[in-house]
Amino acid sequence: MNLSPEMLTLVMFAGLIVGLFMGHPLAFVLGGVAVIGALVGPGLNVMGTLINNIYGNAMDNYVLVAIPLFVLMARFLNDSGVTEKMFDAMRLLLANLRGGLALTVVIVSVLLAATTGIVGASIAVMGMIALVPMLKYGYNKELSAGVIMASGCLGILIPPSIMLILMASYSPVSVGALFAGALVPGLILGVMYALYVLIICYIKPAYGPKVPPEERAQTSTGELLIMLFKYVLPPMALILGVLGALFTGLATATEASAIGVFIAFLLFLIFGDRKLKTCYNTLIDASKTTTMVMLVLVGATAFTGVFSRGGGMSVISDLVLAMPGGTTGALILMLFLVFILGMFLDWTGIVLLSFPIMLPIVEAMEVDMLWFVVMVAVVLQTSFLTPPFGYALFYLKGVAPPGVEIVDLYKAVIPFVALIILACALLTIFLGW
C-alpha cells in the first residue's frame, strides 16, 4: 500500500493501542504490528534488514548478558528468606517512631531496590509481610498501600537495575555512568517518600500509630542488635559488592552482575532451605523473566525498525521540534509522552519504543544525554503506578487482604505520583540539562 509516513505513524500506534486493549502480550503486539506496518508501508523486503538489526542490536549485545544475571541474583535473594527477617529487624528498630512501619517499608524497599531491582518481587514481598501488620496496627489503608507500591518501584531506578542496563544498551551512555547518575535521584525519591510518611503521620497521628510497647518489649536490645547484624548487613554486603566493583572500575556491569549472583547464592545457602527443588524453581523463574524481557526487546526492535524505514521517525521529530518554547517545550513534551505511555505500557516497551525516536532528537538539540536518560528513568517510576494498567496496582492487589479494593489502590498512588513529578521538577531546576 506504501502509506505516507504520517498515515503509517497513525496506523502503527493505533494498532499498538488496539492490540494492548485486546489483552495480547506486548512482545507479540509489537512484532505483529511491525509485520502489518511493513506490509502497508515500506514493504515486506524490509524484514530482512530487521532480522539483522535484531541479531546485531539485541542478541549479540554483550551488555545485555547482565540482565539474566541480575534477575538470577534477585531470585536467589528473594528465595533466601532474608528479606522478611530484615523487615522484622527494621520494624522493631523504629518501633517508637510514629509511622515507623511505613518508614520501615521505605528503608527496606530501598535496600531491596539496590539488591534485586525487580519491582514485582519487591511489591509482592512487602505486600505480604508489611500490609497486613500495618492494617492490623491501625495504619491508614491508602498510606499503607501507597508507600508499599511507590517504594517498591524504586527497583527500576536504584542500581543495579535491569532497566538502566537496557537503557544504556540503547543509548551512548555507559552502564557505569547511568548507574551513578540514577543513584542520587533514586535516593532522593526514597527520602521524599520517607519525609511524606513522617509529615502525614505527624499531622494525622491516626495514620501511623507506634508499635505496641508490649510487642517491642518481647525483644531485648541485644537481640535486636544481633538481628540487625545478621539480617541487614548481608544485603548491604551484596550492595557494596556489586556497586563497589562497578563504580571503582574493578568490573564491568556484566562482571559485577556475576559477583552479585555469587554473593546472593551464598546468602541463599546460608538463609534459605538449601533444597534442590527450590534452587531449580529459582532458575526457572529467572529464565521466565529473562525470556519475557528479551521477547519484548525483539518485538520492539522490529517495531521501531519498520517505523523508521517508513518515515515515522521524521514525523515525530518534526512534531517535537515544532513545539512552542524551543528546547524546553520539546523536552517537556517528550517526558510527558513517556508519562502517558506509562499508563498503557510497561517500562520495557516504553524504553525500546521511545529511545530510538527521542534520543536522536535530544542529540540534535545538544542536550546532555545522561541527564535526559536519567529523567526518563525517574518519570518511568509512574508507569507502575498510574491507572489503568499500573502493574504495581495489580501486584499489590494480588497479595492484599480482603477489604483492600482496587479503588483504594488508585487513591493511594496519587500523592506518590505527585512526589515523582515534584522530583523531576527539582532535578530540572537544580541540575538543568
Protein backbone atom coordinates (compact mmCIF):
# COMPACT_ATOMS: atom_id res chain seq x y z
CA MET A 1 0.00 0.00 0.00
CA ASN A 2 3.01 2.30 0.56
CA LEU A 3 1.30 4.58 3.09
CA SER A 4 2.67 8.05 3.71
CA PRO A 5 4.84 8.48 6.84
CA GLU A 6 2.02 10.36 8.60
CA MET A 7 -0.55 7.64 7.89
CA LEU A 8 1.90 4.88 8.79
CA THR A 9 2.53 6.58 12.16
CA LEU A 10 -1.20 6.66 12.90
CA VAL A 11 -1.77 3.07 11.75
CA MET A 12 1.09 1.60 13.77
CA PHE A 13 0.33 3.39 17.02
CA ALA A 14 -3.41 2.71 16.63
CA GLY A 15 -2.62 -0.97 16.08
CA LEU A 16 -0.41 -0.95 19.18
CA ILE A 17 -3.20 0.50 21.34
CA VAL A 18 -5.85 -1.87 19.94
CA GLY A 19 -3.63 -4.91 20.47
CA LEU A 20 -2.88 -3.97 24.07
CA PHE A 21 -6.53 -3.31 24.91
CA MET A 22 -7.40 -6.73 23.50
CA GLY A 23 -5.13 -8.20 26.16
CA HIS A 24 -2.39 -9.65 23.97
CA PRO A 25 1.21 -9.82 25.29
CA LEU A 26 3.26 -6.73 24.48
CA ALA A 27 6.03 -8.63 22.68
CA PHE A 28 3.62 -10.21 20.19
CA VAL A 29 1.68 -6.99 19.69
CA LEU A 30 4.88 -5.15 18.82
CA GLY A 31 6.04 -7.87 16.45
CA GLY A 32 2.62 -8.27 14.82
CA VAL A 33 2.17 -4.54 14.27
CA ALA A 34 5.69 -4.44 12.79
CA VAL A 35 4.73 -7.05 10.18
CA ILE A 36 1.46 -5.24 9.37
CA GLY A 37 3.32 -1.92 9.21
CA ALA A 38 5.87 -3.39 6.82
CA LEU A 39 3.05 -4.74 4.62
CA VAL A 40 1.20 -1.40 4.33
CA GLY A 41 4.30 0.80 4.47
CA PRO A 42 7.85 0.24 3.21
CA GLY A 43 7.16 -3.35 2.06
CA LEU A 44 7.98 -6.83 3.32
CA ASN A 45 11.51 -6.62 1.87
CA VAL A 46 12.38 -4.60 4.98
CA MET A 47 12.04 -7.71 7.15
CA GLY A 48 15.49 -8.97 6.15
CA THR A 49 17.05 -5.79 7.49
CA LEU A 50 15.02 -6.15 10.71
CA ILE A 51 16.37 -9.65 11.32
CA ASN A 52 19.92 -8.31 11.03
CA ASN A 53 19.06 -5.45 13.42
CA ILE A 54 17.55 -7.84 15.98
CA TYR A 55 20.65 -10.02 15.94
CA GLY A 56 23.14 -7.15 15.91
CA ASN A 57 21.46 -4.83 18.44
CA ALA A 58 19.91 -7.37 20.79
CA MET A 59 21.10 -10.94 20.52
CA ASP A 60 24.77 -10.03 20.01
CA ASN A 61 24.91 -7.28 22.67
CA TYR A 62 27.37 -8.26 25.42
CA VAL A 63 25.99 -5.68 27.87
CA LEU A 64 22.61 -7.42 27.92
CA VAL A 65 24.21 -10.51 29.48
CA ALA A 66 23.90 -8.60 32.78
CA ILE A 67 20.09 -8.83 32.61
CA PRO A 68 19.71 -12.59 33.26
CA LEU A 69 22.48 -12.42 35.87
CA PHE A 70 20.85 -9.59 37.84
CA VAL A 71 17.48 -11.34 37.56
CA LEU A 72 19.02 -14.53 38.93
CA MET A 73 20.65 -12.55 41.75
CA ALA A 74 17.26 -11.12 42.65
CA ARG A 75 15.58 -14.52 42.68
CA PHE A 76 18.28 -16.06 44.91
CA LEU A 77 17.97 -13.19 47.38
CA ASN A 78 14.17 -13.34 47.40
CA ASP A 79 14.11 -17.13 47.89
CA SER A 80 16.68 -16.98 50.68
CA GLY A 81 14.04 -15.52 53.04
CA VAL A 82 16.42 -12.87 54.36
CA THR A 83 14.06 -10.12 53.17
CA GLU A 84 11.31 -10.94 55.67
CA LYS A 85 13.78 -11.16 58.55
CA MET A 86 15.33 -7.84 57.52
CA PHE A 87 11.88 -6.22 57.66
CA ASP A 88 11.22 -7.55 61.16
CA ALA A 89 14.54 -6.18 62.41
CA MET A 90 13.94 -2.71 60.94
CA ARG A 91 10.33 -2.65 62.19
CA LEU A 92 11.46 -3.25 65.78
CA LEU A 93 14.27 -0.72 65.44
CA LEU A 94 11.76 2.02 64.55
CA ALA A 95 9.05 0.79 66.92
CA ASN A 96 8.86 4.02 68.95
CA LEU A 97 8.50 6.27 65.91
CA ARG A 98 5.04 7.34 64.70
CA GLY A 99 4.68 5.94 61.19
CA GLY A 100 7.61 3.61 61.91
CA LEU A 101 6.13 0.67 59.99
CA ALA A 102 5.63 2.77 56.85
CA LEU A 103 9.11 4.22 57.24
CA THR A 104 10.46 0.68 57.56
CA VAL A 105 8.77 -0.18 54.26
CA VAL A 106 10.62 2.71 52.56
CA ILE A 107 14.01 1.76 54.03
CA VAL A 108 13.70 -1.94 53.28
CA SER A 109 12.38 -1.21 49.79
CA VAL A 110 15.44 0.95 49.07
CA LEU A 111 17.64 -1.92 50.22
CA LEU A 112 15.66 -4.33 48.06
CA ALA A 113 15.93 -1.95 45.12
CA ALA A 114 19.71 -1.92 45.50
CA THR A 115 19.88 -5.70 45.67
CA THR A 116 17.11 -7.08 43.47
CA GLY A 117 15.84 -4.44 41.06
CA ILE A 118 12.65 -6.44 40.35
CA VAL A 119 9.58 -4.36 41.09
CA GLY A 120 7.09 -7.22 41.09
CA ALA A 121 9.11 -9.19 43.63
CA SER A 122 9.64 -6.16 45.91
CA ILE A 123 5.97 -5.18 45.95
CA ALA A 124 4.75 -8.75 46.38
CA VAL A 125 7.17 -9.41 49.25
CA MET A 126 6.43 -6.13 51.04
CA GLY A 127 2.72 -6.55 50.41
CA MET A 128 2.73 -9.98 52.05
CA ILE A 129 4.89 -9.13 55.06
CA ALA A 130 4.00 -5.47 55.69
CA LEU A 131 0.46 -4.65 54.55
CA VAL A 132 -1.36 -6.96 56.96
CA PRO A 133 0.62 -5.80 60.06
CA MET A 134 0.14 -2.15 59.07
CA LEU A 135 -3.62 -2.56 58.75
CA LYS A 136 -3.67 -4.63 61.94
CA TYR A 137 -1.98 -1.84 63.91
CA GLY A 138 -4.44 0.75 62.62
CA TYR A 139 -2.48 2.37 59.78
CA ASN A 140 -4.38 4.30 57.15
CA LYS A 141 -5.27 1.99 54.25
CA GLU A 142 -4.24 4.38 51.46
CA LEU A 143 -0.98 5.34 53.14
CA SER A 144 -0.08 1.69 53.74
CA ALA A 145 -0.77 0.61 50.17
CA GLY A 146 0.71 3.72 48.59
CA VAL A 147 4.04 3.55 50.39
CA ILE A 148 4.44 -0.15 49.51
CA MET A 149 3.73 0.41 45.81
CA ALA A 150 5.77 3.60 45.40
CA SER A 151 8.78 2.35 47.37
CA GLY A 152 8.71 -0.97 45.54
CA CYS A 153 9.00 0.83 42.21
CA LEU A 154 12.42 2.19 43.19
CA GLY A 155 13.81 -1.14 42.00
CA ILE A 156 13.92 0.10 38.39
CA LEU A 157 15.75 3.32 39.32
CA ILE A 158 18.28 2.48 42.02
CA PRO A 159 21.23 0.44 40.67
CA PRO A 160 21.69 -2.33 39.89
CA SER A 161 18.63 -2.14 37.65
CA ILE A 162 17.93 -4.16 34.53
CA MET A 163 16.06 -1.14 33.15
CA LEU A 164 19.19 1.00 33.39
CA ILE A 165 21.21 -1.72 31.66
CA LEU A 166 18.67 -1.83 28.82
CA MET A 167 18.70 1.97 28.60
CA ALA A 168 22.48 2.02 28.40
CA SER A 169 22.49 -0.56 25.61
CA TYR A 170 20.21 1.68 23.53
CA SER A 171 21.96 4.98 24.25
CA PRO A 172 25.52 6.37 24.07
CA VAL A 173 25.65 6.49 27.89
CA SER A 174 27.69 3.76 29.61
CA VAL A 175 26.17 1.48 32.22
CA GLY A 176 28.53 2.79 34.92
CA ALA A 177 27.69 6.43 34.18
CA LEU A 178 23.97 5.69 34.15
CA PHE A 179 24.17 3.75 37.41
CA ALA A 180 25.99 6.65 39.04
CA GLY A 181 23.59 9.20 37.54
CA ALA A 182 20.43 7.37 38.64
CA LEU A 183 21.59 6.55 42.16
CA VAL A 184 21.11 10.06 43.60
CA PRO A 185 17.60 10.64 42.11
CA GLY A 186 16.59 7.21 43.39
CA LEU A 187 17.77 8.01 46.90
CA ILE A 188 16.13 11.45 46.70
CA LEU A 189 12.80 9.81 45.89
CA GLY A 190 13.27 7.42 48.82
CA VAL A 191 13.93 10.40 51.13
CA MET A 192 10.87 12.21 49.77
CA TYR A 193 8.68 9.17 50.46
CA ALA A 194 10.08 8.91 53.99
CA LEU A 195 9.51 12.62 54.66
CA TYR A 196 5.96 12.34 53.35
CA VAL A 197 5.30 9.45 55.75
CA LEU A 198 6.74 11.36 58.72
CA ILE A 199 4.86 14.58 57.87
CA ILE A 200 1.47 12.97 57.22
CA CYS A 201 1.75 10.86 60.40
CA TYR A 202 2.71 13.97 62.39
CA ILE A 203 -0.26 15.93 61.02
CA LYS A 204 -2.62 12.96 61.34
CA PRO A 205 -1.31 10.67 64.13
CA ALA A 206 -4.05 8.11 63.47
CA TYR A 207 -2.50 7.39 60.06
CA GLY A 208 0.56 5.70 61.61
CA PRO A 209 0.38 4.55 65.25
CA LYS A 210 3.50 3.31 67.04
CA VAL A 211 4.23 -0.39 67.51
CA PRO A 212 2.58 -1.56 70.79
CA PRO A 213 5.13 -1.34 73.65
CA GLU A 214 4.41 -4.89 74.78
CA GLU A 215 5.45 -6.25 71.38
CA ARG A 216 8.68 -4.24 71.38
CA ALA A 217 9.43 -5.41 74.92
CA GLN A 218 9.48 -9.03 73.74
CA THR A 219 12.83 -8.38 72.01
CA SER A 220 15.76 -7.09 74.06
CA THR A 221 18.21 -4.51 72.73
CA GLY A 222 20.91 -7.16 72.45
CA GLU A 223 18.66 -9.46 70.46
CA LEU A 224 17.72 -6.57 68.18
CA LEU A 225 21.39 -5.77 67.52
CA ILE A 226 22.01 -9.42 66.64
CA MET A 227 19.05 -9.34 64.23
CA LEU A 228 20.39 -6.19 62.56
CA PHE A 229 23.87 -7.68 62.25
CA LYS A 230 22.54 -10.99 60.94
CA TYR A 231 19.81 -9.89 58.55
CA VAL A 232 20.64 -6.31 57.48
CA LEU A 233 24.41 -6.47 56.98
CA PRO A 234 24.38 -9.36 54.43
CA PRO A 235 22.17 -7.46 51.92
CA MET A 236 24.39 -4.41 52.49
CA ALA A 237 27.40 -6.57 51.63
CA LEU A 238 25.64 -7.54 48.41
CA ILE A 239 25.06 -3.87 47.55
CA LEU A 240 28.67 -2.93 48.25
CA GLY A 241 29.96 -5.96 46.37
CA VAL A 242 28.04 -5.15 43.20
CA LEU A 243 28.09 -1.34 43.14
CA GLY A 244 31.57 -1.10 44.63
CA ALA A 245 33.07 -3.31 41.93
CA LEU A 246 31.27 -1.29 39.26
CA PHE A 247 31.90 2.27 40.49
CA THR A 248 35.56 1.64 41.28
CA GLY A 249 36.16 0.29 37.80
CA LEU A 250 37.17 -3.17 39.02
CA ALA A 251 34.42 -4.80 36.98
CA THR A 252 32.07 -4.08 34.10
CA ALA A 253 28.28 -4.27 34.57
CA THR A 254 28.27 -7.86 33.34
CA GLU A 255 31.12 -8.86 35.65
CA ALA A 256 29.54 -7.02 38.59
CA SER A 257 26.28 -8.88 37.99
CA ALA A 258 28.18 -12.17 38.18
CA ILE A 259 29.66 -11.05 41.52
CA GLY A 260 26.13 -10.28 42.71
CA VAL A 261 24.86 -13.73 41.71
CA PHE A 262 27.70 -15.36 43.65
CA ILE A 263 27.01 -13.35 46.83
CA ALA A 264 23.24 -13.89 46.52
CA PHE A 265 23.80 -17.64 46.09
CA LEU A 266 25.87 -17.66 49.29
CA LEU A 267 23.01 -15.89 51.11
CA PHE A 268 20.62 -18.48 49.70
CA LEU A 269 22.83 -21.27 51.09
CA ILE A 270 23.06 -19.54 54.49
CA PHE A 271 19.46 -18.39 55.00
CA GLY A 272 17.45 -20.48 52.52
CA ASP A 273 16.19 -24.03 52.78
CA ARG A 274 19.04 -25.27 50.51
CA LYS A 275 16.67 -27.67 48.75
CA LEU A 276 17.47 -28.67 45.19
CA LYS A 277 13.81 -28.12 44.20
CA THR A 278 13.89 -24.52 45.48
CA CYS A 279 17.10 -23.84 43.54
CA TYR A 280 15.54 -25.37 40.42
CA ASN A 281 12.43 -23.18 40.76
CA THR A 282 14.66 -20.13 41.23
CA LEU A 283 16.44 -20.85 37.95
CA ILE A 284 13.14 -21.44 36.12
CA ASP A 285 11.62 -18.16 37.43
CA ALA A 286 14.75 -16.24 36.43
CA SER A 287 14.60 -17.80 32.96
CA LYS A 288 10.94 -16.81 32.53
CA THR A 289 11.66 -13.19 33.46
CA THR A 290 14.67 -13.02 31.15
CA THR A 291 12.72 -14.56 28.28
CA MET A 292 9.93 -12.02 28.73
CA VAL A 293 12.38 -9.10 28.58
CA MET A 294 14.20 -10.46 25.54
CA LEU A 295 10.97 -11.18 23.63
CA VAL A 296 9.81 -7.61 24.20
CA LEU A 297 13.22 -6.41 23.04
CA VAL A 298 12.89 -8.40 19.79
CA GLY A 299 9.36 -7.14 19.15
CA ALA A 300 10.28 -3.53 19.89
CA THR A 301 13.35 -3.70 17.63
CA ALA A 302 11.11 -4.89 14.79
CA PHE A 303 8.51 -2.20 15.52
CA THR A 304 10.97 0.70 15.60
CA GLY A 305 12.79 -0.67 12.54
CA VAL A 306 9.66 -0.62 10.39
CA PHE A 307 8.61 2.70 11.88
CA SER A 308 11.96 4.23 10.98
CA ARG A 309 12.09 2.82 7.45
CA GLY A 310 8.57 4.07 6.83
CA GLY A 311 9.49 7.66 7.75
CA GLY A 312 7.76 7.72 11.14
CA MET A 313 10.89 8.96 12.93
CA SER A 314 10.86 12.15 10.84
CA VAL A 315 7.17 12.72 11.62
CA ILE A 316 7.74 12.50 15.38
CA SER A 317 10.92 14.58 15.18
CA ASP A 318 9.15 17.37 13.27
CA LEU A 319 6.28 17.32 15.78
CA VAL A 320 8.57 17.58 18.79
CA LEU A 321 10.81 20.29 17.33
CA ALA A 322 7.73 22.32 16.34
CA MET A 323 6.66 22.63 19.97
CA PRO A 324 6.47 26.20 21.31
CA GLY A 325 9.18 27.01 23.84
CA GLY A 326 12.08 25.59 21.84
CA THR A 327 14.25 23.06 23.64
CA THR A 328 12.31 23.39 26.90
CA GLY A 329 8.98 22.73 25.20
CA ALA A 330 10.37 19.77 23.28
CA LEU A 331 11.83 18.16 26.42
CA ILE A 332 8.59 18.68 28.35
CA LEU A 333 6.62 17.08 25.51
CA MET A 334 8.89 14.04 25.34
CA LEU A 335 8.80 13.46 29.10
CA PHE A 336 5.02 13.97 29.06
CA LEU A 337 4.72 11.35 26.29
CA VAL A 338 6.75 8.93 28.43
CA PHE A 339 4.35 9.64 31.32
CA ILE A 340 1.29 8.97 29.10
CA LEU A 341 2.82 5.80 27.65
CA GLY A 342 3.37 4.64 31.23
CA MET A 343 -0.39 4.39 31.68
CA PHE A 344 -0.58 1.69 29.00
CA LEU A 345 2.87 0.06 28.62
CA ASP A 346 5.50 -1.33 30.95
CA TRP A 347 8.97 0.21 31.13
CA THR A 348 10.48 -2.31 28.70
CA GLY A 349 8.17 -1.35 25.89
CA ILE A 350 8.46 2.36 26.61
CA VAL A 351 12.28 2.33 26.56
CA LEU A 352 12.50 0.24 23.42
CA LEU A 353 9.87 2.32 21.64
CA SER A 354 10.87 5.82 22.73
CA PHE A 355 14.68 5.74 22.75
CA PRO A 356 15.19 5.16 19.00
CA ILE A 357 12.78 8.05 18.35
CA MET A 358 13.72 10.52 21.09
CA LEU A 359 17.48 10.16 21.53
CA PRO A 360 18.37 11.45 18.04
CA ILE A 361 16.17 14.49 18.74
CA VAL A 362 17.87 15.05 22.11
CA GLU A 363 21.29 14.76 20.49
CA ALA A 364 20.30 17.26 17.79
CA MET A 365 19.22 19.74 20.48
CA GLU A 366 22.63 19.29 22.18
CA VAL A 367 21.01 18.34 25.48
CA ASP A 368 23.13 16.28 27.90
CA MET A 369 22.26 12.66 27.10
CA LEU A 370 22.91 11.37 30.62
CA TRP A 371 20.53 13.96 32.09
CA PHE A 372 17.75 13.04 29.66
CA VAL A 373 18.09 9.28 30.16
CA VAL A 374 18.04 9.69 33.96
CA MET A 375 14.97 11.94 33.72
CA VAL A 376 13.18 9.32 31.63
CA ALA A 377 14.13 6.72 34.25
CA VAL A 378 12.60 8.89 37.00
CA VAL A 379 9.41 9.50 35.02
CA LEU A 380 9.13 5.77 34.37
CA GLN A 381 8.52 5.29 38.08
CA THR A 382 4.97 6.42 37.31
CA SER A 383 4.50 3.67 34.69
CA PHE A 384 3.96 1.20 37.55
CA LEU A 385 1.58 3.45 39.48
CA THR A 386 -0.73 5.18 37.02
CA PRO A 387 -4.03 3.51 36.07
CA PRO A 388 -5.46 1.81 34.12
CA PHE A 389 -2.51 -0.58 33.60
CA GLY A 390 -0.19 0.30 36.50
CA TYR A 391 1.50 -3.01 37.26
CA ALA A 392 2.14 -2.11 40.91
CA LEU A 393 -1.61 -1.81 41.44
CA PHE A 394 -2.16 -5.38 40.30
CA TYR A 395 0.93 -6.76 42.05
CA LEU A 396 -0.33 -5.46 45.39
CA LYS A 397 -3.96 -6.31 44.73
CA GLY A 398 -2.90 -9.92 44.16
CA VAL A 399 -1.49 -10.23 47.70
CA ALA A 400 -3.69 -7.72 49.55
CA PRO A 401 -6.05 -8.96 52.28
CA PRO A 402 -9.86 -8.68 51.93
CA GLY A 403 -11.09 -5.11 52.31
CA VAL A 404 -8.37 -3.52 50.14
CA GLU A 405 -10.10 -2.76 46.84
CA ILE A 406 -8.60 -1.57 43.57
CA VAL A 407 -10.24 1.84 44.10
CA ASP A 408 -8.29 2.18 47.36
CA LEU A 409 -5.08 1.50 45.45
CA TYR A 410 -5.95 4.13 42.82
CA LYS A 411 -6.36 6.70 45.60
CA ALA A 412 -3.20 5.53 47.33
CA VAL A 413 -0.86 6.30 44.42
CA ILE A 414 -1.97 9.92 43.87
CA PRO A 415 0.36 11.63 46.40
CA PHE A 416 3.31 9.47 45.34
CA VAL A 417 2.85 10.22 41.63
CA ALA A 418 2.78 13.91 42.64
CA LEU A 419 6.06 13.41 44.54
CA ILE A 420 7.69 11.85 41.45
CA ILE A 421 6.62 14.82 39.32
CA LEU A 422 7.95 17.17 42.01
CA ALA A 423 11.27 15.28 41.99
CA CYS A 424 11.51 15.74 38.20
CA ALA A 425 10.91 19.48 38.60
CA LEU A 426 13.56 19.74 41.33
CA LEU A 427 16.11 17.80 39.28
CA THR A 428 15.49 20.10 36.33
CA ILE A 429 15.79 23.27 38.41
CA PHE A 430 18.99 22.29 40.23
CA LEU A 431 20.72 20.22 37.54
CA GLY A 432 19.42 21.78 34.34
CA TRP A 433 20.14 19.97 31.08
